[in-house]
PDB file of N, CA and C in Angstrom:
ATOM      1  N   MET A   1     -49.977 129.862  61.273  1.00  0.00           N
ATOM      2  CA  MET A   1     -49.289 130.329  61.177  1.00  0.00           C
ATOM      3  C   MET A   1     -49.108 129.492  59.372  1.00  0.00           C
ATOM      4  N   THR A   2     -49.819 128.580  59.186  1.00  0.00           N
ATOM      5  CA  THR A   2     -49.496 127.829  58.061  1.00  0.00           C
ATOM      6  C   THR A   2     -49.314 128.615  56.468  1.00  0.00           C
ATOM      7  N   LYS A   3     -51.070 130.039  57.059  1.00  0.00           N
ATOM      8  CA  LYS A   3     -50.470 131.270  55.747  1.00  0.00           C
ATOM      9  C   LYS A   3     -49.859 131.842  55.549  1.00  0.00           C
ATOM     10  N   ASN A   4     -49.345 132.193  56.931  1.00  0.00           N
ATOM     11  CA  ASN A   4     -47.555 133.336  57.126  1.00  0.00           C
ATOM     12  C   ASN A   4     -46.350 132.351  56.264  1.00  0.00           C
ATOM     13  N   HIS A   5     -46.308 130.980  56.521  1.00  0.00           N
ATOM     14  CA  HIS A   5     -45.852 129.825  56.348  1.00  0.00           C
ATOM     15  C   HIS A   5     -45.329 129.867  54.771  1.00  0.00           C
ATOM     16  N   ASN A   6     -46.445 129.823  54.242  1.00  0.00           N
ATOM     17  CA  ASN A   6     -47.081 129.579  52.371  1.00  0.00           C
ATOM     18  C   ASN A   6     -46.627 130.862  52.206  1.00  0.00           C
ATOM     19  N   ASN A   7     -47.098 132.289  52.691  1.00  0.00           N
ATOM     20  CA  ASN A   7     -46.701 133.459  52.054  1.00  0.00           C
ATOM     21  C   ASN A   7     -44.495 133.765  52.003  1.00  0.00           C
ATOM     22  N   THR A   8     -44.793 132.793  53.134  1.00  0.00           N
ATOM     23  CA  THR A   8     -42.647 133.045  52.680  1.00  0.00           C
ATOM     24  C   THR A   8     -42.229 131.965  52.161  1.00  0.00           C
ATOM     25  N   MET A   9     -42.314 130.723  51.911  1.00  0.00           N
ATOM     26  CA  MET A   9     -42.206 130.011  50.918  1.00  0.00           C
ATOM     27  C   MET A   9     -42.319 131.028  49.734  1.00  0.00           C
ATOM     28  N   LYS A  10     -43.932 131.414  49.360  1.00  0.00           N
ATOM     29  CA  LYS A  10     -43.920 132.272  47.956  1.00  0.00           C
ATOM     30  C   LYS A  10     -43.262 133.046  47.697  1.00  0.00           C
ATOM     31  N   LEU A  11     -42.410 133.771  48.687  1.00  0.00           N
ATOM     32  CA  LEU A  11     -41.481 135.354  48.438  1.00  0.00           C
ATOM     33  C   LEU A  11     -39.644 134.479  48.598  1.00  0.00           C
ATOM     34  N   THR A  12     -39.800 133.358  49.342  1.00  0.00           N
ATOM     35  CA  THR A  12     -38.579 132.765  48.317  1.00  0.00           C
ATOM     36  C   THR A  12     -38.251 132.598  47.435  1.00  0.00           C
ATOM     37  N   SER A  13     -39.302 131.280  46.765  1.00  0.00           N
ATOM     38  CA  SER A  13     -39.080 131.573  45.398  1.00  0.00           C
ATOM     39  C   SER A  13     -38.980 132.193  44.689  1.00  0.00           C
ATOM     40  N   TYR A  14     -39.891 133.747  44.892  1.00  0.00           N
ATOM     41  CA  TYR A  14     -39.651 135.202  44.146  1.00  0.00           C
ATOM     42  C   TYR A  14     -38.365 135.225  44.146  1.00  0.00           C
ATOM     43  N   LEU A  15     -38.408 135.531  45.419  1.00  0.00           N
ATOM     44  CA  LEU A  15     -37.164 136.520  45.344  1.00  0.00           C
ATOM     45  C   LEU A  15     -35.768 135.449  44.218  1.00  0.00           C
ATOM     46  N   CYS A  16     -35.348 133.439  44.572  1.00  0.00           N
ATOM     47  CA  CYS A  16     -33.880 133.369  43.961  1.00  0.00           C
ATOM     48  C   CYS A  16     -34.771 132.981  42.571  1.00  0.00           C
ATOM     49  N   VAL A  17     -35.947 133.096  41.820  1.00  0.00           N
ATOM     50  CA  VAL A  17     -36.187 133.283  40.862  1.00  0.00           C
ATOM     51  C   VAL A  17     -35.468 134.498  40.484  1.00  0.00           C
ATOM     52  N   VAL A  18     -36.215 135.893  40.442  1.00  0.00           N
ATOM     53  CA  VAL A  18     -35.291 137.108  40.870  1.00  0.00           C
ATOM     54  C   VAL A  18     -33.514 136.910  40.598  1.00  0.00           C
ATOM     55  N   ASN A  19     -33.322 136.042  41.157  1.00  0.00           N
ATOM     56  CA  ASN A  19     -31.597 135.584  41.476  1.00  0.00           C
ATOM     57  C   ASN A  19     -31.425 135.305  39.992  1.00  0.00           C
ATOM     58  N   LEU A  20     -31.931 134.258  39.782  1.00  0.00           N
ATOM     59  CA  LEU A  20     -31.801 133.825  39.070  1.00  0.00           C
ATOM     60  C   LEU A  20     -31.677 134.298  37.120  1.00  0.00           C
ATOM     61  N   VAL A  21     -33.135 134.979  37.477  1.00  0.00           N
ATOM     62  CA  VAL A  21     -32.499 136.195  36.253  1.00  0.00           C
ATOM     63  C   VAL A  21     -31.723 137.348  35.898  1.00  0.00           C
ATOM     64  N   ILE A  22     -31.483 138.109  36.578  1.00  0.00           N
ATOM     65  CA  ILE A  22     -30.378 138.855  37.023  1.00  0.00           C
ATOM     66  C   ILE A  22     -28.980 138.583  36.692  1.00  0.00           C
ATOM     67  N   LEU A  23     -29.198 137.118  37.246  1.00  0.00           N
ATOM     68  CA  LEU A  23     -27.986 135.812  36.747  1.00  0.00           C
ATOM     69  C   LEU A  23     -27.915 135.605  35.093  1.00  0.00           C
ATOM     70  N   GLY A  24     -28.920 135.427  34.959  1.00  0.00           N
ATOM     71  CA  GLY A  24     -28.888 135.328  33.263  1.00  0.00           C
ATOM     72  C   GLY A  24     -28.896 136.679  32.664  1.00  0.00           C
ATOM     73  N   ILE A  25     -29.224 137.532  33.107  1.00  0.00           N
ATOM     74  CA  ILE A  25     -28.962 138.966  32.126  1.00  0.00           C
ATOM     75  C   ILE A  25     -27.405 138.992  32.496  1.00  0.00           C
ATOM     76  N   CYS A  26     -26.941 138.768  33.397  1.00  0.00           N
ATOM     77  CA  CYS A  26     -25.226 139.399  33.422  1.00  0.00           C
ATOM     78  C   CYS A  26     -25.032 137.997  33.104  1.00  0.00           C
ATOM     79  N   GLY A  27     -24.865 137.153  32.639  1.00  0.00           N
ATOM     80  CA  GLY A  27     -24.292 135.881  31.575  1.00  0.00           C
ATOM     81  C   GLY A  27     -25.204 136.263  30.059  1.00  0.00           C
ATOM     82  N   GLY A  28     -25.885 136.874  29.922  1.00  0.00           N
ATOM     83  CA  GLY A  28     -26.051 137.324  28.321  1.00  0.00           C
ATOM     84  C   GLY A  28     -25.407 138.352  28.119  1.00  0.00           C
ATOM     85  N   ILE A  29     -25.210 139.049  28.877  1.00  0.00           N
ATOM     86  CA  ILE A  29     -24.190 140.231  28.724  1.00  0.00           C
ATOM     87  C   ILE A  29     -23.008 139.999  28.381  1.00  0.00           C
ATOM     88  N   TYR A  30     -21.995 139.643  29.198  1.00  0.00           N
ATOM     89  CA  TYR A  30     -21.024 138.576  29.485  1.00  0.00           C
ATOM     90  C   TYR A  30     -20.561 138.433  27.418  1.00  0.00           C
ATOM     91  N   ALA A  31     -22.293 137.410  27.109  1.00  0.00           N
ATOM     92  CA  ALA A  31     -21.664 136.228  26.329  1.00  0.00           C
ATOM     93  C   ALA A  31     -21.428 137.000  25.408  1.00  0.00           C
ATOM     94  N   PHE A  32     -22.524 138.330  24.337  1.00  0.00           N
ATOM     95  CA  PHE A  32     -22.221 138.872  23.801  1.00  0.00           C
ATOM     96  C   PHE A  32     -22.034 140.126  23.200  1.00  0.00           C
ATOM     97  N   SER A  33     -20.951 140.714  24.546  1.00  0.00           N
ATOM     98  CA  SER A  33     -20.562 142.151  24.410  1.00  0.00           C
ATOM     99  C   SER A  33     -18.800 141.804  25.252  1.00  0.00           C
ATOM    100  N   GLY A  34     -18.524 140.722  26.002  1.00  0.00           N
ATOM    101  CA  GLY A  34     -17.661 140.747  26.786  1.00  0.00           C
ATOM    102  C   GLY A  34     -16.850 141.026  27.650  1.00  0.00           C
ATOM    103  N   PHE A  35     -18.601 141.729  28.145  1.00  0.00           N
ATOM    104  CA  PHE A  35     -18.255 143.113  29.631  1.00  0.00           C
ATOM    105  C   PHE A  35     -18.625 142.220  30.221  1.00  0.00           C
ATOM    106  N   ASP A  36     -18.192 141.817  31.420  1.00  0.00           N
ATOM    107  CA  ASP A  36     -18.552 141.346  33.022  1.00  0.00           C
ATOM    108  C   ASP A  36     -19.329 142.368  33.098  1.00  0.00           C
ATOM    109  N   LEU A  37     -20.117 142.073  33.318  1.00  0.00           N
ATOM    110  CA  LEU A  37     -21.378 143.195  34.562  1.00  0.00           C
ATOM    111  C   LEU A  37     -20.647 143.091  35.942  1.00  0.00           C
ATOM    112  N   LEU A  38     -21.101 141.020  36.079  1.00  0.00           N
ATOM    113  CA  LEU A  38     -21.224 140.738  37.456  1.00  0.00           C
ATOM    114  C   LEU A  38     -19.477 141.838  38.161  1.00  0.00           C
ATOM    115  N   SER A  39     -19.081 141.255  37.566  1.00  0.00           N
ATOM    116  CA  SER A  39     -17.943 141.652  38.472  1.00  0.00           C
ATOM    117  C   SER A  39     -17.818 143.312  38.386  1.00  0.00           C
ATOM    118  N   PHE A  40     -18.739 144.326  37.326  1.00  0.00           N
ATOM    119  CA  PHE A  40     -18.466 145.446  37.304  1.00  0.00           C
ATOM    120  C   PHE A  40     -19.282 145.571  39.133  1.00  0.00           C
ATOM    121  N   ILE A  41     -20.571 144.748  39.045  1.00  0.00           N
ATOM    122  CA  ILE A  41     -21.171 145.583  40.179  1.00  0.00           C
ATOM    123  C   ILE A  41     -20.367 144.920  41.259  1.00  0.00           C
ATOM    124  N   THR A  42     -20.132 143.794  41.585  1.00  0.00           N
ATOM    125  CA  THR A  42     -19.434 143.311  42.615  1.00  0.00           C
ATOM    126  C   THR A  42     -17.992 144.468  42.563  1.00  0.00           C
ATOM    127  N   PHE A  43     -18.012 145.605  42.067  1.00  0.00           N
ATOM    128  CA  PHE A  43     -16.621 146.274  41.976  1.00  0.00           C
ATOM    129  C   PHE A  43     -15.687 145.472  42.355  1.00  0.00           C
ATOM    130  N   GLY A  44     -15.332 144.449  40.962  1.00  0.00           N
ATOM    131  CA  GLY A  44     -14.478 143.349  41.388  1.00  0.00           C
ATOM    132  C   GLY A  44     -13.734 142.624  42.081  1.00  0.00           C
ATOM    133  N   SER A  45     -14.578 142.253  43.113  1.00  0.00           N
ATOM    134  CA  SER A  45     -13.899 142.102  44.583  1.00  0.00           C
ATOM    135  C   SER A  45     -14.879 140.250  43.768  1.00  0.00           C
ATOM    136  N   GLU A  46     -13.653 139.614  43.920  1.00  0.00           N
ATOM    137  CA  GLU A  46     -13.932 138.244  43.777  1.00  0.00           C
ATOM    138  C   GLU A  46     -14.511 137.194  45.031  1.00  0.00           C
ATOM    139  N   THR A  47     -14.408 137.696  45.658  1.00  0.00           N
ATOM    140  CA  THR A  47     -14.825 137.178  47.066  1.00  0.00           C
ATOM    141  C   THR A  47     -16.333 137.419  47.549  1.00  0.00           C
ATOM    142  N   ALA A  48     -17.049 138.828  46.450  1.00  0.00           N
ATOM    143  CA  ALA A  48     -18.964 139.136  46.444  1.00  0.00           C
ATOM    144  C   ALA A  48     -19.189 138.323  45.136  1.00  0.00           C
ATOM    145  N   TYR A  49     -18.086 138.152  44.311  1.00  0.00           N
ATOM    146  CA  TYR A  49     -18.627 137.793  42.768  1.00  0.00           C
ATOM    147  C   TYR A  49     -18.737 136.225  43.135  1.00  0.00           C
ATOM    148  N   ARG A  50     -18.444 135.923  43.756  1.00  0.00           N
ATOM    149  CA  ARG A  50     -18.106 133.805  44.735  1.00  0.00           C
ATOM    150  C   ARG A  50     -19.808 133.957  45.337  1.00  0.00           C
ATOM    151  N   ILE A  51     -19.439 134.629  46.242  1.00  0.00           N
ATOM    152  CA  ILE A  51     -20.928 134.686  46.886  1.00  0.00           C
ATOM    153  C   ILE A  51     -21.910 134.665  46.470  1.00  0.00           C
ATOM    154  N   PHE A  52     -21.579 135.433  45.759  1.00  0.00           N
ATOM    155  CA  PHE A  52     -23.226 136.337  43.885  1.00  0.00           C
ATOM    156  C   PHE A  52     -23.810 134.359  43.605  1.00  0.00           C
ATOM    157  N   LEU A  53     -22.696 133.914  42.992  1.00  0.00           N
ATOM    158  CA  LEU A  53     -22.485 132.696  42.682  1.00  0.00           C
ATOM    159  C   LEU A  53     -22.954 131.573  43.237  1.00  0.00           C
ATOM    160  N   ALA A  54     -22.419 131.623  44.730  1.00  0.00           N
ATOM    161  CA  ALA A  54     -23.191 130.598  45.367  1.00  0.00           C
ATOM    162  C   ALA A  54     -24.310 130.497  45.256  1.00  0.00           C
ATOM    163  N   ASN A  55     -25.270 131.986  45.841  1.00  0.00           N
ATOM    164  CA  ASN A  55     -26.248 132.161  46.063  1.00  0.00           C
ATOM    165  C   ASN A  55     -26.940 131.752  44.950  1.00  0.00           C
ATOM    166  N   CYS A  56     -27.174 131.670  43.608  1.00  0.00           N
ATOM    167  CA  CYS A  56     -26.913 131.690  42.049  1.00  0.00           C
ATOM    168  C   CYS A  56     -27.138 129.807  42.509  1.00  0.00           C
ATOM    169  N   PHE A  57     -26.667 129.617  43.180  1.00  0.00           N
ATOM    170  CA  PHE A  57     -26.185 127.448  42.449  1.00  0.00           C
ATOM    171  C   PHE A  57     -27.677 127.315  43.711  1.00  0.00           C
ATOM    172  N   VAL A  58     -27.640 127.793  45.248  1.00  0.00           N
ATOM    173  CA  VAL A  58     -28.428 127.388  45.924  1.00  0.00           C
ATOM    174  C   VAL A  58     -29.949 127.971  45.193  1.00  0.00           C
ATOM    175  N   SER A  59     -30.034 129.175  44.667  1.00  0.00           N
ATOM    176  CA  SER A  59     -31.128 129.078  44.489  1.00  0.00           C
ATOM    177  C   SER A  59     -31.997 128.480  43.173  1.00  0.00           C
ATOM    178  N   ALA A  60     -31.066 128.008  42.198  1.00  0.00           N
ATOM    179  CA  ALA A  60     -31.389 126.965  41.380  1.00  0.00           C
ATOM    180  C   ALA A  60     -31.772 125.391  41.937  1.00  0.00           C
ATOM    181  N   PHE A  61     -31.276 125.290  43.372  1.00  0.00           N
ATOM    182  CA  PHE A  61     -31.965 123.577  43.845  1.00  0.00           C
ATOM    183  C   PHE A  61     -32.905 123.802  44.555  1.00  0.00           C
ATOM    184  N   PHE A  62     -33.161 125.466  44.948  1.00  0.00           N
ATOM    185  CA  PHE A  62     -34.463 126.025  45.676  1.00  0.00           C
ATOM    186  C   PHE A  62     -35.466 125.770  44.827  1.00  0.00           C
ATOM    187  N   THR A  63     -34.916 126.302  44.036  1.00  0.00           N
ATOM    188  CA  THR A  63     -36.255 126.323  42.450  1.00  0.00           C
ATOM    189  C   THR A  63     -36.286 125.418  42.014  1.00  0.00           C
ATOM    190  N   VAL A  64     -35.546 124.531  42.069  1.00  0.00           N
ATOM    191  CA  VAL A  64     -36.242 122.575  41.017  1.00  0.00           C
ATOM    192  C   VAL A  64     -36.762 121.942  41.965  1.00  0.00           C
ATOM    193  N   TYR A  65     -36.305 122.178  43.450  1.00  0.00           N
ATOM    194  CA  TYR A  65     -36.821 121.800  44.653  1.00  0.00           C
ATOM    195  C   TYR A  65     -38.659 122.097  45.008  1.00  0.00           C
ATOM    196  N   SER A  66     -38.640 123.231  43.921  1.00  0.00           N
ATOM    197  CA  SER A  66     -39.929 123.739  44.806  1.00  0.00           C
ATOM    198  C   SER A  66     -41.261 123.465  43.519  1.00  0.00           C
ATOM    199  N   MET A  67     -40.350 123.581  42.592  1.00  0.00           N
ATOM    200  CA  MET A  67     -41.122 122.837  40.937  1.00  0.00           C
ATOM    201  C   MET A  67     -41.828 121.627  41.477  1.00  0.00           C
ATOM    202  N   ILE A  68     -40.793 120.694  42.026  1.00  0.00           N
ATOM    203  CA  ILE A  68     -40.972 119.047  42.541  1.00  0.00           C
ATOM    204  C   ILE A  68     -41.955 119.157  43.438  1.00  0.00           C
ATOM    205  N   ALA A  69     -41.520 119.661  44.506  1.00  0.00           N
ATOM    206  CA  ALA A  69     -42.199 119.715  45.937  1.00  0.00           C
ATOM    207  C   ALA A  69     -43.887 120.140  46.277  1.00  0.00           C
ATOM    208  N   PHE A  70     -43.896 121.328  45.231  1.00  0.00           N
ATOM    209  CA  PHE A  70     -45.604 121.796  45.086  1.00  0.00           C
ATOM    210  C   PHE A  70     -45.871 121.878  44.317  1.00  0.00           C
ATOM    211  N   LYS A  71     -45.949 121.457  42.421  1.00  0.00           N
ATOM    212  CA  LYS A  71     -45.970 121.108  41.779  1.00  0.00           C
ATOM    213  C   LYS A  71     -46.939 122.384  40.941  1.00  0.00           C
ATOM    214  N   PRO A  72     -46.553 123.325  40.468  1.00  0.00           N
ATOM    215  CA  PRO A  72     -47.317 124.240  40.354  1.00  0.00           C
ATOM    216  C   PRO A  72     -47.357 124.482  38.553  1.00  0.00           C
ATOM    217  N   PHE A  73     -47.689 123.346  38.059  1.00  0.00           N
ATOM    218  CA  PHE A  73     -48.019 123.089  36.828  1.00  0.00           C
ATOM    219  C   PHE A  73     -48.807 122.214  36.925  1.00  0.00           C
ATOM    220  N   LYS A  74     -49.229 121.949  38.174  1.00  0.00           N
ATOM    221  CA  LYS A  74     -49.973 119.768  37.587  1.00  0.00           C
ATOM    222  C   LYS A  74     -51.352 120.485  37.002  1.00  0.00           C
ATOM    223  N   GLY A  75     -52.007 121.407  37.477  1.00  0.00           N
ATOM    224  CA  GLY A  75     -54.027 121.469  36.416  1.00  0.00           C
ATOM    225  C   GLY A  75     -53.460 122.327  35.058  1.00  0.00           C
ATOM    226  N   LEU A  76     -52.129 122.209  34.579  1.00  0.00           N
ATOM    227  CA  LEU A  76     -51.940 123.193  32.910  1.00  0.00           C
ATOM    228  C   LEU A  76     -52.074 121.549  32.351  1.00  0.00           C
ATOM    229  N   LYS A  77     -52.909 121.176  30.953  1.00  0.00           N
ATOM    230  CA  LYS A  77     -53.117 120.205  30.524  1.00  0.00           C
ATOM    231  C   LYS A  77     -52.768 120.888  28.852  1.00  0.00           C
TER     232      LYS A  77
END
């Protein structure tokens, strides 16, 4: 049970980071070119756009929580 839980938490952390990287790429493209890639990906649907942004909001909080709770950089000096 514990090993499966750890693997699930690891997968969730990876998915959250990937989600934030995608948001960063879309934001960078919008900042440098003015083309709203996220709006293009969501086919102009404001609901889908907001759902993705809300998902990124939760992903950011989970990433911060996992960095505090699991201390992945504890052994680095």
